[in-house]
Amino acid sequence: MLSAVLAMSSNAALADSTGTSYAGTLSNPNDTFEVTLTLASASNVTLQTYGFGGGTNQAGTLIAPGGTDPFVGLFAGLGASATFIHGTALDLTNYTPGCPRAGTVSNFGDTACGDVTMVFDALAAGTYTVLLSDGQFIPGAAIGAGTTLGDGFFDFTGGVFCNLEDTNTGTACPNVSGTYALDVITNSSTTATTPEPATLLLLETGLAGLLGVRRRSARSKT
């Protein structure tokens, strides 16, 4: 399953002068997609997803809606020792302005959507890891359970892709696909990105009740 993600993600990468666009499919809710971001000098970095609501990405490709609502995070460094800087998802209270994403209105109304926009101003030169996963497969570092990528993940997915209930229509699990689309955009022409999908260690925990309550209740209605 992981090799399939690698093939899809690598073939979908389209570079241009200001960034790189990635698109693919998480084969299951416990898969992750990683991008190595190398900055030769301080740069402004924008991370933008389109897979949930659709839109036109940096490469000019029209992305269909209906994909996963992702978690997106930025870590300083590579591998298990990479240190968490910031990350967010629809379920997290720290989620940054990404709604409505890409200048359109989400089908979840005017206050919630599944895509993520994150902007980092004057990010220092160095090597970083951009992580994308399902919005309920969340690094422990993002919720205070550790500080690095190697600290594992909390799995609130229940083993399925299922977005929060659309309270406007009462629709449970309106998106059940693992497809994603991610732009990594910088203002530095010397920046290079390399995709590195990975499936990281699942951290077993009793904290599963803290997140995903609305999603689980939405599934119970189906």
Protein backbone atom coordinates (compact mmCIF):
# COMPACT_ATOMS: atom_id res chain seq x y z
CA MET A 1 0.00 0.00 0.00
CA LEU A 2 2.83 2.38 0.82
CA SER A 3 4.58 1.80 -2.51
CA ALA A 4 1.37 2.66 -4.33
CA VAL A 5 1.20 5.98 -2.52
CA LEU A 6 4.81 6.66 -3.42
CA ALA A 7 4.18 6.06 -7.10
CA MET A 8 1.07 8.20 -7.22
CA SER A 9 2.55 11.05 -5.23
CA SER A 10 5.87 11.19 -7.07
CA ASN A 11 4.26 11.11 -10.49
CA ALA A 12 1.86 13.87 -9.51
CA ALA A 13 4.50 16.36 -8.37
CA LEU A 14 4.56 19.38 -10.66
CA ALA A 15 7.24 21.99 -10.02
CA ASP A 16 7.16 25.65 -10.99
CA SER A 17 9.10 28.80 -10.10
CA THR A 18 7.35 29.39 -6.77
CA GLY A 19 6.46 25.98 -5.45
CA THR A 20 5.48 22.38 -5.95
CA SER A 21 2.08 20.71 -6.15
CA TYR A 22 1.46 17.18 -4.90
CA ALA A 23 -1.59 14.97 -5.32
CA GLY A 24 -2.23 11.36 -4.43
CA THR A 25 -4.23 9.02 -2.25
CA LEU A 26 -3.66 7.79 1.27
CA SER A 27 -4.35 4.08 0.93
CA ASN A 28 -5.68 3.87 4.49
CA PRO A 29 -6.36 6.35 7.31
CA ASN A 30 -3.06 5.47 9.02
CA ASP A 31 -0.85 6.42 6.07
CA THR A 32 1.12 9.66 5.89
CA PHE A 33 2.68 11.72 3.12
CA GLU A 34 5.89 13.67 3.73
CA VAL A 35 7.73 16.35 1.78
CA THR A 36 11.32 17.36 2.50
CA LEU A 37 11.59 21.12 2.20
CA THR A 38 15.09 22.61 1.90
CA LEU A 39 15.45 26.39 2.17
CA ALA A 40 18.75 27.90 1.05
CA SER A 41 17.77 31.23 2.60
CA ALA A 42 15.01 32.64 4.79
CA SER A 43 11.71 32.33 2.93
CA ASN A 44 8.00 32.75 3.36
CA VAL A 45 6.35 29.34 3.09
CA THR A 46 2.68 28.61 2.42
CA LEU A 47 1.09 25.18 2.77
CA GLN A 48 -2.31 24.85 1.07
CA THR A 49 -4.51 21.79 0.59
CA TYR A 50 -7.33 21.34 -1.94
CA GLY A 51 -8.31 17.68 -1.65
CA PHE A 52 -11.31 18.15 0.62
CA GLY A 53 -13.11 20.99 -1.17
CA GLY A 54 -11.41 21.02 -4.55
CA GLY A 55 -9.97 23.99 -6.42
CA THR A 56 -7.13 24.93 -8.73
CA ASN A 57 -3.69 24.25 -7.33
CA GLN A 58 -0.41 26.11 -7.83
CA ALA A 59 0.36 24.03 -10.93
CA GLY A 60 -2.93 25.08 -12.55
CA THR A 61 -4.53 21.65 -12.14
CA LEU A 62 -8.21 21.48 -11.22
CA ILE A 63 -8.57 19.31 -8.11
CA ALA A 64 -11.88 17.52 -7.61
CA PRO A 65 -13.55 17.81 -4.20
CA GLY A 66 -14.36 14.87 -1.97
CA GLY A 67 -10.97 13.93 -0.53
CA THR A 68 -9.79 13.62 3.04
CA ASP A 69 -9.84 16.51 5.49
CA PRO A 70 -6.10 16.48 6.27
CA PHE A 71 -3.79 17.18 9.12
CA VAL A 72 -0.87 19.29 7.86
CA GLY A 73 2.18 20.02 9.96
CA LEU A 74 5.70 21.43 9.68
CA PHE A 75 8.70 19.93 11.47
CA ALA A 76 12.28 21.21 11.65
CA GLY A 77 14.70 18.55 10.47
CA LEU A 78 14.20 15.05 9.09
CA GLY A 79 13.18 11.66 10.37
CA ALA A 80 12.13 10.70 13.87
CA SER A 81 14.09 13.55 15.46
CA ALA A 82 12.36 16.28 13.41
CA THR A 83 10.94 18.85 15.85
CA PHE A 84 7.33 20.02 15.62
CA ILE A 85 6.81 23.68 14.67
CA HIS A 86 3.08 23.90 13.96
CA GLY A 87 0.28 21.86 12.47
CA THR A 88 -3.47 21.76 12.29
CA ALA A 89 -6.59 19.92 11.20
CA LEU A 90 -10.32 20.50 11.23
CA ASP A 91 -10.70 18.73 14.57
CA LEU A 92 -7.99 20.73 16.35
CA THR A 93 -8.74 23.95 18.18
CA ASN A 94 -5.43 25.41 16.95
CA TYR A 95 -6.44 25.14 13.33
CA THR A 96 -5.32 28.16 11.33
CA PRO A 97 -7.35 30.23 8.85
CA GLY A 98 -8.07 27.89 5.97
CA CYS A 99 -11.83 28.39 5.65
CA PRO A 100 -13.19 29.02 3.22
CA ARG A 101 -10.19 27.57 1.41
CA ALA A 102 -8.96 28.85 -1.93
CA GLY A 103 -11.43 31.71 -2.02
CA THR A 104 -14.54 29.55 -2.17
CA VAL A 105 -17.24 28.67 0.33
CA SER A 106 -17.02 25.26 1.97
CA ASN A 107 -20.02 22.94 1.85
CA PHE A 108 -19.71 22.91 5.64
CA GLY A 109 -20.85 26.53 5.84
CA ASP A 110 -19.01 29.71 6.75
CA THR A 111 -17.08 28.56 9.82
CA ALA A 112 -15.72 25.09 9.10
CA CYS A 113 -14.10 23.30 6.19
CA GLY A 114 -11.70 20.46 5.69
CA ASP A 115 -8.82 22.15 3.84
CA VAL A 116 -5.84 23.77 5.53
CA THR A 117 -3.93 26.99 4.85
CA MET A 118 -0.74 27.62 6.82
CA VAL A 119 1.68 30.51 6.30
CA PHE A 120 5.16 30.72 7.83
CA ASP A 121 6.83 34.14 7.50
CA ALA A 122 10.62 34.36 7.14
CA LEU A 123 11.23 30.69 7.86
CA ALA A 124 14.97 30.29 8.48
CA ALA A 125 17.25 28.52 6.04
CA GLY A 126 17.43 24.81 6.73
CA THR A 127 15.74 21.48 6.11
CA TYR A 128 12.15 20.81 7.12
CA THR A 129 9.57 18.04 6.91
CA VAL A 130 6.03 18.79 5.77
CA LEU A 131 3.63 16.10 6.96
CA LEU A 132 0.16 15.38 5.61
CA SER A 133 -2.13 12.75 7.10
CA ASP A 134 -5.82 12.18 7.62
CA GLY A 135 -7.29 14.85 9.88
CA GLN A 136 -7.82 12.31 12.66
CA PHE A 137 -4.44 10.59 12.41
CA ILE A 138 -2.57 13.23 14.36
CA PRO A 139 1.08 13.42 15.49
CA GLY A 140 1.39 13.33 19.25
CA ALA A 141 3.59 16.42 19.07
CA ALA A 142 0.66 18.41 17.66
CA ILE A 143 -1.41 17.87 20.80
CA GLY A 144 1.34 18.12 23.39
CA ALA A 145 2.24 14.42 23.64
CA GLY A 146 5.89 14.79 22.68
CA THR A 147 7.82 17.21 20.51
CA THR A 148 9.13 15.19 17.56
CA LEU A 149 7.89 13.19 14.61
CA GLY A 150 9.17 10.07 16.30
CA ASP A 151 6.77 10.51 19.21
CA GLY A 152 4.09 8.71 17.24
CA PHE A 153 0.47 9.34 16.29
CA PHE A 154 -2.95 9.30 17.88
CA ASP A 155 -5.47 7.42 15.76
CA PHE A 156 -9.01 8.77 16.05
CA THR A 157 -10.10 7.51 12.61
CA GLY A 158 -11.80 4.30 13.70
CA GLY A 159 -10.13 2.72 10.67
CA VAL A 160 -12.14 4.66 8.08
CA PHE A 161 -12.03 7.99 6.25
CA CYS A 162 -14.97 9.97 7.59
CA ASN A 163 -15.29 13.73 7.82
CA LEU A 164 -17.24 15.62 10.43
CA GLU A 165 -20.98 15.70 10.01
CA ASP A 166 -22.24 18.54 7.83
CA THR A 167 -24.52 20.23 10.34
CA ASN A 168 -26.14 22.31 7.59
CA THR A 169 -27.56 19.27 5.84
CA GLY A 170 -27.27 16.56 8.48
CA THR A 171 -25.07 14.54 6.13
CA ALA A 172 -22.79 12.13 7.98
CA CYS A 173 -19.35 11.34 6.52
CA PRO A 174 -19.76 13.39 3.31
CA ASN A 175 -16.15 12.65 2.25
CA VAL A 176 -14.90 9.08 2.57
CA SER A 177 -11.86 9.18 0.26
CA GLY A 178 -8.17 9.33 1.14
CA THR A 179 -7.27 11.56 -1.82
CA TYR A 180 -5.25 14.70 -1.08
CA ALA A 181 -3.74 17.67 -2.87
CA LEU A 182 -1.03 19.83 -1.33
CA ASP A 183 0.86 22.91 -2.49
CA VAL A 184 4.20 23.83 -0.90
CA ILE A 185 4.90 27.41 -1.98
CA THR A 186 7.91 29.59 -1.16
CA ASN A 187 9.23 32.95 -2.30
CA SER A 188 12.71 31.49 -2.84
CA SER A 189 13.71 30.11 -6.22
CA THR A 190 16.46 28.08 -4.55
CA THR A 191 13.99 25.91 -2.63
CA ALA A 192 13.71 22.23 -3.56
CA THR A 193 11.09 19.74 -2.37
CA THR A 194 11.20 15.95 -2.46
CA PRO A 195 8.19 13.79 -1.58
CA GLU A 196 8.74 11.04 0.95
CA PRO A 197 5.54 9.14 1.85
CA ALA A 198 5.79 7.16 5.04
CA THR A 199 3.69 5.20 7.47
CA LEU A 200 4.86 6.06 10.98
CA LEU A 201 4.40 4.32 14.33
CA LEU A 202 0.86 4.37 15.72
CA LEU A 203 0.92 5.37 19.36
CA GLU A 204 -1.66 3.34 21.28
CA THR A 205 -3.39 5.57 23.81
CA GLY A 206 -6.41 5.95 25.97
CA LEU A 207 -6.86 9.55 24.81
CA ALA A 208 -8.92 8.59 21.76
CA GLY A 209 -12.02 10.03 23.40
CA LEU A 210 -10.59 13.54 23.39
CA LEU A 211 -10.96 14.06 19.64
CA GLY A 212 -13.29 12.82 16.93
CA VAL A 213 -16.44 12.68 19.03
CA ARG A 214 -18.49 14.41 16.37
CA ARG A 215 -17.19 12.12 13.67
CA ARG A 216 -17.95 8.99 15.62
CA SER A 217 -21.43 10.25 16.39
CA ALA A 218 -21.91 11.03 12.70
CA ARG A 219 -21.02 7.44 11.79
CA SER A 220 -23.46 6.14 14.37
CA LYS A 221 -26.29 7.86 12.53
CA THR A 222 -25.59 6.01 9.30
